[in-house]
Structures are given as C-alpha cells and as structure tokens.
Amino acid sequence: MGGKLWEGWEMQVLRDNCGKMSIEEVAALLPHRTVKGVHLRAFKVGLLPDKNYWTEQEDQILRDNFPHKTATQIKRMLSGRTLAAIQKRICEIGVSGERWACKHSANRQFFAQPNILNSYWAGLIAADGCVTDRDDCSTKVLMISLTESDGYLLEQFAKDVEFTGDVAIRKARDRKMADGRRLRARPESVLSISCTQEWFPDLEKHFNITPRKSLTLKPPNNLNLDCSLAYIKGFLDGDGCVHIRKNGRMNFTFCGTLECLSWIKSVCDEVAPQYTDEWRTKKRPLAQLIQKGKIYNYMIGDYRAELLAKEILRLDIPGMRRKWDKVQANFDLKQQRLEELRTPVMVHTFDPSRVYLGRLCKRGHDYQGTGQSLRRVGHGSCVKCGQECQGVKKPMVPVAYWLELTSKLFPDLDGTPYRIGDVCRRGHEYNLSGYGLRYRSSRGCVQCEKQRLGNSED
C-alpha cells in the first residue's frame, strides 16, 4: 500500500511505538508499509529528530562489529541503511580511531615481519607503488598501478594479502603535447587499499616506504640475503629492465635513488662478484652507478646477471612474466646448447702448471661435462677458444696424443726432435699427409722456424 494515505490506526501504532522500539520492529507491526516508508513518516510527523535517525540498537550493532567486520558486512545486518550512511555513522559515533569505515578487508599483519613474500611485494611497492594521505580523513591509501597486461600481478597481490576488493582497469586517455606530438597513455590496472592502516608503519619500519618517496627512497633495514633478493626482484619488476641480446648476454638495469641503488649494488656484488678467477680480482673496479638527472641507473650484465638471476629464481615468489619468462627461456636455450657441446674428447688428464678448470667461457666450451672451461694459467684464456681462432682441427688435444699418432703413422720420426701436429697457418704440410711437422719441445712449425732463420732446407 506504499504511496497511499496513512490511516488513523497506523498513525496510532506509529505514535505508541516510535522511540520505544526500532523502526524495523515498528514496520513489522505495519505489514503494508516498508521500513523506509515508516522511517520517513515518523520524521515528517515529528517523532524522529533527524531524517537519518539511528536507533540505539543500530549504534550498538556498529560498536559490536566494527572494525572486526567491514562496512559491507555490517550493511547486511542493517536493512534499510546504505553503505555510505553506515560509514558516516561510524565516523560520527567514534567507534574506531579511523575516521572512515572500510568497504573491504585484508590481512592487517602482512608486513609485520619481513619474509621473502612480503619483501618481494615491498620491492614492487617501492618501485611502482604510492602511499598517499586522504584529503577528507587521517587515513592513508596504498595504490599500485601497472600496465593492463600486468594486471595478473595485482590479482596475485590481492590474493596474497587476502584483500576482498577488486583490481580496477583505468582506460587510456590523451595526455599533453610533447615535441609537437600528443602522448597517449596505455590502459592501466590499478589496486587501491586503505583498509589496513597497520601496513604503513610496518612498511616504513622495515622497508623505508613513505609518502612522496620518488626522490627520497632509502633501502630496507636488516633484511637477510633471501629477503634482499626478493626485494630486488620486486624492485626490478617495477623500476627495472631486463634485456637479452641476440648473442644470449643478459643485462639488468635498475633506476632509483642513490641510497637504494647503492644498497642493491652491494647485494649484487655479494651474490655475483665481478670476477671469479683469483688472478683477476684486482684488475678492474666493479660497475658503478650512473646519474641521470635526479635519479641514478645501475646495470649488471653478462655472467654476473646470470648468477643474480639464478639466485632469484630459486625463491618461490611471484614475478612479472614478461621479464622472468624470457630469463628462464634464455637459461633453457643455453642449457640445450651446452648439452650439444658436451661431446667426449680424447683428453683425460692435463698439466695443472699450465692449465686449470675455470669459469665456463662465453662460447660454452665445456670440458668433459664438468660445466667449466679449460683455461691457461697466467692469463686465463679458454684453451679451446684459442685453438679455434688458430684453426686447430682437434682443439684441446694434448701433445701426448700427437706423439702416439707420430709413432703410429711415421715411426721414422721416433727418436728425432720432430713430431706431427696440426698444419700451421701458412699451410706447411708434411709429405702430403694432412699434418704439419713440429718440434717436440717448442711445438712450433719446423718449416716456419727455418724460414724465419733464412734457411729453406727441410
């Protein structure tokens, strides 16, 4: 009967009970009237001092349930009340220290104690996050904005922190002119969280994340190595670049403040030192930071980037797919090529005074499946690389092999200072055999040495 005139008996029920019981209970005595209609009629006849009058029972429901439950959950307990009205009433009666009731909930203790998971998200927040103060109240808001294609990362963050809200998509819009052309923004995925005020003291205490941090960001405090690597991964996903060249070399580039990048550099120097061979440790200084305007850049590349990536990938934490998928694909391709290079050779022992097993060379010359390259003592060059550059047919074959071959093919050379070996660069072939004649002691070509001395005789 909504919209019809109120009858006398209905008005009498309203006068007898309004103020003594809740509006919902009064509406139950008037089956043909809605709760909203009874509320509005009581206000018009002067039975309620306020159009949005709250009963003591309703206020008690707010006190009993907030902030343990969100305003959205409390709304289900109060029929006839909107979400905005509930939020406003919570602020008016001072139920909580926060001046605004939250629509959603999340794990309020997520950043209380650093671990590899929250360290990763802290690194991403430090790079691409923003902490702002609300204009209408004293609460703070955490906002993270990524490109639309990376929205899955924000979905994962919402899942890890148990956030009940959604990730919003911000449409692309035209931007101002620059150099005679109009800049255009891409669609963005945005996540905004304000229901966990406990996060912000923890973020500042453990990770030094504060409002307006772009030019003042400082490194985190007292993180162990795994948490530091997780933080660096998050920072790289936000303000970093992963570049892999056609030859397979990998580069990581970080952008940030001097203090933060200096800390990242110190961790990289610990995990991936500049040189692994002892005789080269003092040859050159480590890579330095480069200033670009008000910010700094730091780049780590080649095998150091690979060492850092391998340490990071062993951690069970999320990551930006478009960056870390290609890192993993590069490792898989190198492993495949390494398996192809791992063919048996005729070398079983080597002279430790002349060669040693060192870091795998850039061409991937693996020695006997050890994952290392055979290098020369004194200057550390790869033996196989050097022999390939000289055109040696059988790289990494010791003199003992050539001596056995000499006794087998040319027994007349036994007891002489000569042996057979690879043909030299000048093509001096011995008796059309496909081999060259070399000295047993110096390993030089006999014909070349005689030409150098001006003697053309054999």
Protein backbone atom coordinates (compact mmCIF):
# COMPACT_ATOMS: atom_id res chain seq x y z
CA MET A 1 0.00 0.00 0.00
CA GLY A 2 3.04 2.27 -0.39
CA GLY A 3 2.09 5.72 -1.66
CA LYS A 4 -1.39 5.70 -0.10
CA LEU A 5 -2.62 7.85 2.75
CA TRP A 6 -1.86 6.71 6.27
CA GLU A 7 -4.93 5.58 8.18
CA GLY A 8 -5.69 6.57 11.76
CA TRP A 9 -4.84 3.23 13.30
CA GLU A 10 -1.48 3.22 11.50
CA MET A 11 -0.64 6.65 12.88
CA GLN A 12 -1.63 5.48 16.37
CA VAL A 13 0.71 2.46 16.11
CA LEU A 14 3.48 4.79 14.97
CA ARG A 15 2.97 7.22 17.90
CA ASP A 16 2.73 4.46 20.51
CA ASN A 17 5.89 2.60 19.48
CA CYS A 18 8.29 5.00 17.77
CA GLY A 19 11.17 5.68 20.14
CA LYS A 20 10.41 2.59 22.21
CA MET A 21 11.44 0.08 19.58
CA SER A 22 13.47 0.12 16.38
CA ILE A 23 12.00 1.25 13.07
CA GLU A 24 12.25 -2.33 11.80
CA GLU A 25 10.12 -3.57 14.69
CA VAL A 26 7.54 -0.82 14.12
CA ALA A 27 7.43 -1.68 10.43
CA ALA A 28 6.75 -5.30 11.38
CA LEU A 29 3.50 -4.11 13.05
CA LEU A 30 2.51 -2.43 9.80
CA PRO A 31 2.74 -5.21 7.18
CA HIS A 32 1.68 -2.94 4.33
CA ARG A 33 4.41 -0.38 4.96
CA THR A 34 8.14 -0.56 4.15
CA VAL A 35 10.89 0.20 6.67
CA LYS A 36 11.93 3.23 4.60
CA GLY A 37 8.32 4.45 4.45
CA VAL A 38 7.82 4.11 8.23
CA HIS A 39 11.12 5.91 8.88
CA LEU A 40 10.20 8.83 6.60
CA ARG A 41 6.65 9.15 8.04
CA ALA A 42 7.93 9.23 11.61
CA PHE A 43 10.33 12.03 10.69
CA LYS A 44 7.60 14.07 8.97
CA VAL A 45 5.22 13.96 11.95
CA GLY A 46 7.99 14.93 14.36
CA LEU A 47 8.50 11.57 16.04
CA LEU A 48 12.17 11.45 14.94
CA PRO A 49 14.51 14.43 15.40
CA ASP A 50 16.58 13.53 12.32
CA LYS A 51 15.64 12.24 8.91
CA ASN A 52 18.52 9.76 9.21
CA TYR A 53 17.85 8.95 12.85
CA TRP A 54 19.79 5.98 14.20
CA THR A 55 18.37 3.89 16.98
CA GLU A 56 20.40 2.73 19.96
CA GLN A 57 20.15 -0.84 18.69
CA GLU A 58 21.66 0.14 15.36
CA ASP A 59 24.50 2.03 17.03
CA GLN A 60 25.18 -0.99 19.24
CA ILE A 61 25.48 -3.20 16.16
CA LEU A 62 28.12 -0.83 14.80
CA ARG A 63 30.06 -0.85 18.09
CA ASP A 64 29.96 -4.63 18.37
CA ASN A 65 31.12 -5.37 14.82
CA PHE A 66 33.44 -2.59 13.65
CA PRO A 67 36.36 -2.75 12.88
CA HIS A 68 36.33 -6.57 13.09
CA LYS A 69 33.93 -6.58 10.15
CA THR A 70 33.89 -4.29 7.16
CA ALA A 71 31.15 -1.77 6.44
CA THR A 72 29.92 -4.01 3.62
CA GLN A 73 29.43 -6.93 6.02
CA ILE A 74 27.69 -4.70 8.58
CA LYS A 75 25.33 -3.44 5.86
CA ARG A 76 23.84 -6.92 5.64
CA MET A 77 22.85 -6.67 9.32
CA LEU A 78 21.14 -3.30 8.93
CA SER A 79 18.34 -3.39 6.39
CA GLY A 80 17.39 -0.01 5.04
CA ARG A 81 20.85 1.51 5.60
CA THR A 82 23.17 2.35 2.74
CA LEU A 83 26.92 1.73 2.76
CA ALA A 84 27.66 5.45 2.77
CA ALA A 85 25.28 6.01 5.71
CA ILE A 86 26.97 3.26 7.72
CA GLN A 87 30.42 4.70 7.03
CA LYS A 88 29.29 8.18 8.05
CA ARG A 89 27.65 6.92 11.25
CA ILE A 90 30.79 5.01 12.26
CA CYS A 91 32.75 8.24 11.96
CA GLU A 92 30.12 10.20 13.93
CA ILE A 93 29.96 7.92 16.97
CA GLY A 94 33.77 7.42 17.01
CA VAL A 95 33.73 3.63 17.04
CA SER A 96 37.30 3.41 15.70
CA GLY A 97 40.35 5.63 15.57
CA GLU A 98 39.99 5.63 11.79
CA ARG A 99 37.70 8.33 10.50
CA TRP A 100 36.36 6.26 7.63
CA ALA A 101 34.86 2.78 7.70
CA CYS A 102 36.36 0.36 5.17
CA LYS A 103 34.37 -1.38 2.48
CA HIS A 104 36.85 -4.26 2.26
CA SER A 105 39.25 -6.19 4.44
CA ALA A 106 42.79 -7.62 4.16
CA ASN A 107 45.49 -9.22 6.30
CA ARG A 108 46.49 -6.33 8.57
CA GLN A 109 49.70 -8.07 9.75
CA PHE A 110 51.02 -8.94 6.29
CA PHE A 111 54.09 -6.65 6.54
CA ALA A 112 54.61 -7.04 10.30
CA GLN A 113 57.60 -9.40 9.93
CA PRO A 114 59.80 -9.45 6.78
CA ASN A 115 59.84 -12.65 4.73
CA ILE A 116 60.57 -13.43 1.09
CA LEU A 117 56.92 -12.95 0.02
CA ASN A 118 56.25 -9.57 1.62
CA SER A 119 59.80 -8.45 0.74
CA TYR A 120 59.01 -9.03 -2.95
CA TRP A 121 55.80 -7.01 -2.72
CA ALA A 122 57.59 -4.30 -0.75
CA GLY A 123 60.13 -4.04 -3.58
CA LEU A 124 57.34 -3.67 -6.12
CA ILE A 125 55.62 -1.03 -3.93
CA ALA A 126 58.92 0.83 -3.55
CA ALA A 127 59.23 0.98 -7.34
CA ASP A 128 55.67 1.29 -8.67
CA GLY A 129 53.58 1.88 -5.54
CA CYS A 130 52.34 5.09 -3.98
CA VAL A 131 51.39 5.91 -0.39
CA THR A 132 49.10 8.96 -0.12
CA ASP A 133 47.10 10.69 2.62
CA ARG A 134 43.36 11.09 2.20
CA ASP A 135 42.14 14.67 1.98
CA ASP A 136 38.94 14.03 3.94
CA CYS A 137 40.36 12.00 6.83
CA SER A 138 43.55 10.90 8.56
CA THR A 139 43.87 7.52 6.86
CA LYS A 140 46.46 6.56 4.23
CA VAL A 141 45.95 4.79 0.93
CA LEU A 142 48.27 2.35 -0.86
CA MET A 143 47.96 2.44 -4.64
CA ILE A 144 49.81 0.29 -7.16
CA SER A 145 49.48 0.96 -10.87
CA LEU A 146 50.76 -1.34 -13.64
CA THR A 147 50.02 -1.72 -17.33
CA GLU A 148 46.85 -3.62 -18.14
CA SER A 149 48.78 -6.65 -19.38
CA ASP A 150 50.47 -6.96 -15.96
CA GLY A 151 47.16 -6.85 -14.07
CA TYR A 152 47.55 -10.51 -13.10
CA LEU A 153 50.37 -9.43 -10.76
CA LEU A 154 47.99 -7.17 -8.83
CA GLU A 155 45.46 -10.01 -8.71
CA GLN A 156 48.17 -12.17 -7.12
CA PHE A 157 48.99 -9.43 -4.62
CA ALA A 158 45.31 -9.13 -3.65
CA LYS A 159 45.22 -12.91 -3.15
CA ASP A 160 48.40 -12.98 -1.04
CA VAL A 161 47.21 -10.20 1.29
CA GLU A 162 43.65 -11.61 1.41
CA PHE A 163 42.15 -8.40 0.03
CA THR A 164 38.40 -8.65 -0.65
CA GLY A 165 38.31 -5.82 -3.21
CA ASP A 166 38.89 -5.87 -6.96
CA VAL A 167 41.59 -4.66 -9.32
CA ALA A 168 40.31 -1.73 -11.38
CA ILE A 169 41.12 -1.05 -15.05
CA ARG A 170 41.82 2.57 -15.92
CA LYS A 171 41.12 3.40 -19.55
CA ALA A 172 43.70 5.07 -21.78
CA ARG A 173 43.39 8.84 -22.14
CA ASP A 174 45.13 11.52 -24.14
CA ARG A 175 47.95 13.36 -22.47
CA LYS A 176 49.59 16.72 -23.09
CA MET A 177 51.64 17.58 -26.14
CA ALA A 178 55.40 16.96 -26.16
CA ASP A 179 57.73 17.91 -29.02
CA GLY A 180 54.79 18.54 -31.33
CA ARG A 181 53.10 15.19 -30.76
CA ARG A 182 50.38 14.07 -28.40
CA LEU A 183 51.39 11.48 -25.85
CA ARG A 184 48.91 8.70 -25.27
CA ALA A 185 48.64 6.61 -22.14
CA ARG A 186 48.05 2.88 -22.09
CA PRO A 187 45.24 1.23 -20.14
CA GLU A 188 46.32 0.54 -16.57
CA SER A 189 45.50 -1.96 -13.84
CA VAL A 190 45.12 -0.18 -10.51
CA LEU A 191 44.80 -1.56 -6.99
CA SER A 192 43.91 0.79 -4.12
CA ILE A 193 43.87 -0.38 -0.47
CA SER A 194 43.02 1.76 2.57
CA CYS A 195 41.52 -0.80 4.96
CA THR A 196 44.88 -1.81 6.51
CA GLN A 197 46.35 1.18 8.32
CA GLU A 198 48.70 -1.17 10.20
CA TRP A 199 50.65 -1.68 6.95
CA PHE A 200 52.04 1.82 6.73
CA PRO A 201 54.06 1.84 10.00
CA ASP A 202 55.40 -1.62 9.09
CA LEU A 203 56.34 -0.53 5.55
CA GLU A 204 58.20 2.45 6.93
CA LYS A 205 59.87 0.48 9.73
CA HIS A 206 61.16 -2.45 7.68
CA PHE A 207 61.32 -1.09 4.10
CA ASN A 208 61.51 2.73 4.48
CA ILE A 209 58.46 3.23 2.23
CA THR A 210 56.85 6.59 2.90
CA PRO A 211 54.67 9.10 1.00
CA ARG A 212 56.40 11.10 -1.77
CA LYS A 213 59.33 8.66 -1.93
CA SER A 214 60.36 9.03 -5.60
CA LEU A 215 63.48 11.09 -4.82
CA THR A 216 63.94 10.12 -1.17
CA LEU A 217 63.57 6.33 -1.13
CA LYS A 218 66.03 4.55 1.18
CA PRO A 219 66.94 0.84 1.23
CA PRO A 220 65.19 -1.64 3.55
CA ASN A 221 66.50 -2.33 7.03
CA ASN A 222 68.18 -5.53 8.25
CA LEU A 223 66.95 -8.00 5.61
CA ASN A 224 68.64 -11.37 5.25
CA LEU A 225 70.04 -12.43 1.87
CA ASP A 226 66.90 -14.23 0.62
CA CYS A 227 64.64 -11.32 1.61
CA SER A 228 67.08 -8.91 -0.04
CA LEU A 229 66.97 -10.90 -3.29
CA ALA A 230 63.17 -10.98 -3.13
CA TYR A 231 63.09 -7.20 -2.63
CA ILE A 232 65.45 -6.72 -5.59
CA LYS A 233 63.22 -8.88 -7.78
CA GLY A 234 60.17 -6.78 -6.90
CA PHE A 235 62.13 -3.57 -7.48
CA LEU A 236 63.32 -4.86 -10.86
CA ASP A 237 59.76 -5.75 -11.87
CA GLY A 238 58.67 -2.21 -11.03
CA ASP A 239 61.54 0.13 -11.97
CA GLY A 240 63.93 -2.15 -13.83
CA CYS A 241 64.63 -3.52 -17.27
CA VAL A 242 65.65 -7.00 -18.42
CA HIS A 243 67.46 -7.03 -21.76
CA ILE A 244 68.76 -10.15 -23.52
CA ARG A 245 70.89 -9.65 -26.61
CA LYS A 246 70.93 -11.85 -29.68
CA ASN A 247 74.14 -13.49 -28.51
CA GLY A 248 72.45 -14.52 -25.25
CA ARG A 249 74.10 -11.98 -22.96
CA MET A 250 71.82 -10.68 -20.24
CA ASN A 251 71.60 -7.20 -18.71
CA PHE A 252 69.61 -5.98 -15.68
CA THR A 253 69.11 -2.22 -15.30
CA PHE A 254 67.77 -0.55 -12.14
CA CYS A 255 66.53 3.05 -11.78
CA GLY A 256 66.19 4.77 -8.40
CA THR A 257 67.76 6.91 -5.72
CA LEU A 258 71.46 6.87 -4.89
CA GLU A 259 70.93 5.26 -1.46
CA CYS A 260 68.65 2.50 -2.74
CA LEU A 261 70.77 1.59 -5.78
CA SER A 262 73.94 1.61 -3.68
CA TRP A 263 72.34 -1.00 -1.45
CA ILE A 264 71.21 -3.06 -4.47
CA LYS A 265 74.75 -2.85 -5.86
CA SER A 266 76.20 -4.14 -2.58
CA VAL A 267 73.88 -7.16 -2.65
CA CYS A 268 74.74 -7.85 -6.31
CA ASP A 269 78.46 -7.64 -5.53
CA GLU A 270 77.97 -10.21 -2.79
CA VAL A 271 75.85 -12.64 -4.81
CA ALA A 272 77.57 -12.13 -8.17
CA PRO A 273 81.18 -10.87 -7.73
CA GLN A 274 82.83 -9.11 -10.63
CA TYR A 275 85.42 -11.84 -11.31
CA THR A 276 85.61 -15.43 -10.11
CA ASP A 277 89.26 -16.06 -11.03
CA GLU A 278 91.62 -15.05 -8.22
CA TRP A 279 94.31 -13.69 -10.52
CA ARG A 280 91.82 -11.13 -11.97
CA THR A 281 90.23 -9.84 -8.77
CA LYS A 282 92.32 -6.65 -8.73
CA LYS A 283 92.35 -5.97 -12.44
CA ARG A 284 89.31 -3.68 -12.78
CA PRO A 285 86.83 -1.91 -10.42
CA LEU A 286 83.22 -3.04 -10.04
CA ALA A 287 80.43 -1.47 -12.12
CA GLN A 288 79.44 1.95 -10.81
CA LEU A 289 76.19 3.93 -10.59
CA ILE A 290 75.43 6.46 -13.33
CA GLN A 291 73.48 9.64 -12.60
CA LYS A 292 70.61 10.50 -14.96
CA GLY A 293 69.16 13.83 -13.85
CA LYS A 294 67.72 13.47 -10.35
CA ILE A 295 67.84 9.65 -10.36
CA TYR A 296 70.56 7.04 -10.84
CA ASN A 297 70.97 3.96 -13.02
CA TYR A 298 72.79 0.77 -12.16
CA MET A 299 73.38 -2.06 -14.64
CA ILE A 300 74.67 -5.57 -14.03
CA GLY A 301 75.35 -7.72 -17.05
CA ASP A 302 76.80 -10.83 -18.62
CA TYR A 303 77.62 -13.73 -16.30
CA ARG A 304 77.01 -11.58 -13.18
CA ALA A 305 73.40 -11.03 -14.28
CA GLU A 306 73.06 -14.77 -14.81
CA LEU A 307 74.37 -15.53 -11.32
CA LEU A 308 71.95 -12.99 -9.83
CA ALA A 309 69.02 -14.36 -11.85
CA LYS A 310 69.75 -17.94 -10.78
CA GLU A 311 69.79 -16.92 -7.12
CA ILE A 312 66.49 -15.06 -7.54
CA LEU A 313 64.76 -17.83 -9.49
CA ARG A 314 65.37 -20.36 -6.75
CA LEU A 315 63.00 -18.37 -4.49
CA ASP A 316 59.33 -19.39 -4.53
CA ILE A 317 57.84 -15.93 -5.09
CA PRO A 318 55.75 -14.27 -7.83
CA GLY A 319 57.27 -12.36 -10.71
CA MET A 320 56.45 -10.35 -13.82
CA ARG A 321 56.06 -12.90 -16.60
CA ARG A 322 57.20 -10.71 -19.49
CA LYS A 323 60.57 -10.28 -17.74
CA TRP A 324 61.25 -13.56 -15.99
CA ASP A 325 59.82 -15.87 -18.64
CA LYS A 326 62.43 -14.69 -21.13
CA VAL A 327 65.15 -15.06 -18.50
CA GLN A 328 64.13 -18.67 -17.93
CA ALA A 329 63.84 -19.27 -21.69
CA ASN A 330 67.39 -17.94 -22.13
CA PHE A 331 68.68 -20.32 -19.46
CA ASP A 332 66.88 -23.24 -21.10
CA LEU A 333 68.35 -22.38 -24.50
CA LYS A 334 71.87 -22.15 -23.06
CA GLN A 335 71.43 -25.48 -21.31
CA GLN A 336 70.30 -27.04 -24.57
CA ARG A 337 73.34 -25.68 -26.40
CA LEU A 338 75.58 -26.82 -23.56
CA GLU A 339 74.30 -30.35 -23.86
CA GLU A 340 75.06 -30.26 -27.57
CA LEU A 341 78.63 -29.11 -26.86
CA ARG A 342 79.24 -31.82 -24.28
CA THR A 343 80.85 -34.36 -26.64
CA PRO A 344 83.64 -36.69 -25.46
CA VAL A 345 87.21 -35.68 -26.30
CA MET A 346 90.46 -37.63 -26.08
CA VAL A 347 91.79 -35.62 -23.12
CA HIS A 348 91.79 -37.37 -19.74
CA THR A 349 94.48 -35.52 -17.79
CA PHE A 350 96.15 -32.13 -18.07
CA ASP A 351 99.19 -30.37 -16.65
CA PRO A 352 97.99 -28.22 -13.68
CA SER A 353 101.04 -25.98 -14.03
CA ARG A 354 99.83 -24.87 -17.46
CA VAL A 355 96.02 -25.21 -17.49
CA TYR A 356 93.23 -25.25 -14.93
CA LEU A 357 89.45 -25.64 -14.82
CA GLY A 358 87.78 -22.22 -14.57
CA ARG A 359 84.57 -20.37 -15.33
CA LEU A 360 82.68 -21.52 -18.42
CA CYS A 361 83.65 -19.30 -21.35
CA LYS A 362 81.17 -17.21 -23.35
CA ARG A 363 81.17 -19.75 -26.18
CA GLY A 364 80.20 -22.51 -23.77
CA HIS A 365 83.25 -24.74 -24.23
CA ASP A 366 82.55 -27.33 -21.56
CA TYR A 367 85.43 -29.60 -20.52
CA GLN A 368 84.43 -33.26 -20.16
CA GLY A 369 80.94 -32.41 -18.89
CA THR A 370 82.23 -30.53 -15.84
CA GLY A 371 80.40 -27.28 -16.63
CA GLN A 372 83.78 -25.47 -16.68
CA SER A 373 86.25 -24.46 -19.37
CA LEU A 374 89.90 -25.45 -19.57
CA ARG A 375 91.91 -22.22 -19.19
CA ARG A 376 95.59 -21.31 -19.45
CA VAL A 377 97.50 -20.43 -16.29
CA GLY A 378 98.79 -16.85 -16.41
CA HIS A 379 96.14 -15.10 -18.47
CA GLY A 380 93.06 -17.28 -18.04
CA SER A 381 92.03 -17.56 -21.71
CA CYS A 382 89.98 -20.55 -22.81
CA VAL A 383 92.18 -23.19 -24.45
CA LYS A 384 89.55 -24.28 -26.95
CA CYS A 385 88.69 -20.69 -27.92
CA GLY A 386 92.35 -20.01 -28.66
CA GLN A 387 92.78 -23.18 -30.69
CA GLU A 388 89.64 -22.47 -32.71
CA CYS A 389 90.93 -18.97 -33.52
CA GLN A 390 94.21 -20.56 -34.74
CA GLY A 391 92.37 -23.03 -36.95
CA VAL A 392 93.35 -26.13 -34.96
CA LYS A 393 91.49 -29.16 -36.26
CA LYS A 394 91.37 -31.04 -32.97
CA PRO A 395 91.08 -28.49 -30.13
CA MET A 396 92.10 -29.35 -26.59
CA VAL A 397 94.22 -32.37 -27.68
CA PRO A 398 97.49 -32.68 -25.66
CA VAL A 399 100.95 -33.37 -27.09
CA ALA A 400 100.77 -36.95 -25.83
CA TYR A 401 98.10 -37.67 -28.42
CA TRP A 402 100.29 -36.32 -31.24
CA LEU A 403 103.27 -38.36 -30.04
CA GLU A 404 101.22 -41.56 -30.17
CA LEU A 405 99.98 -40.63 -33.63
CA THR A 406 103.54 -39.94 -34.78
CA SER A 407 104.73 -43.39 -33.67
CA LYS A 408 101.78 -44.96 -35.45
CA LEU A 409 101.90 -43.07 -38.78
CA PHE A 410 105.57 -42.03 -39.04
CA PRO A 411 107.75 -44.36 -36.93
CA ASP A 412 110.84 -42.95 -38.66
CA LEU A 413 110.37 -39.73 -36.62
CA ASP A 414 110.78 -41.58 -33.32
CA GLY A 415 113.99 -40.54 -31.62
CA THR A 416 114.13 -37.27 -33.58
CA PRO A 417 113.25 -33.79 -32.21
CA TYR A 418 110.21 -33.73 -34.51
CA ARG A 419 106.62 -34.92 -34.35
CA ILE A 420 103.47 -34.43 -36.40
CA GLY A 421 100.72 -31.97 -35.44
CA ASP A 422 98.20 -29.57 -36.93
CA VAL A 423 99.06 -27.79 -40.14
CA CYS A 424 100.23 -24.25 -39.38
CA ARG A 425 98.57 -21.09 -40.66
CA ARG A 426 100.90 -20.94 -43.65
CA GLY A 427 99.80 -24.40 -44.74
CA HIS A 428 103.14 -26.22 -44.34
CA GLU A 429 102.06 -29.82 -44.84
CA TYR A 430 104.38 -32.76 -44.13
CA ASN A 431 104.65 -35.29 -47.01
CA LEU A 432 101.04 -34.56 -48.17
CA SER A 433 99.76 -36.28 -45.02
CA GLY A 434 97.38 -33.55 -43.85
CA TYR A 435 99.57 -32.90 -40.81
CA GLY A 436 102.36 -30.46 -40.11
CA LEU A 437 105.89 -31.17 -38.86
CA ARG A 438 106.50 -29.60 -35.44
CA TYR A 439 109.21 -29.55 -32.76
CA ARG A 440 108.65 -31.77 -29.73
CA SER A 441 109.99 -29.12 -27.34
CA SER A 442 108.65 -25.78 -28.57
CA ARG A 443 105.63 -27.14 -30.52
CA GLY A 444 106.45 -24.67 -33.34
CA CYS A 445 106.28 -25.48 -37.04
CA VAL A 446 109.64 -26.71 -38.31
CA GLN A 447 109.24 -25.14 -41.76
CA CYS A 448 108.17 -21.78 -40.34
CA GLU A 449 111.14 -21.69 -37.99
CA LYS A 450 113.57 -22.47 -40.77
CA GLN A 451 112.08 -19.76 -42.99
CA ARG A 452 112.42 -17.32 -40.13
CA LEU A 453 116.11 -18.17 -39.81
CA GLY A 454 116.56 -17.80 -43.55
CA ASN A 455 117.11 -21.48 -44.22
CA SER A 456 114.69 -23.08 -46.69
CA GLU A 457 116.08 -26.59 -46.37
CA ASP A 458 114.00 -29.33 -44.81
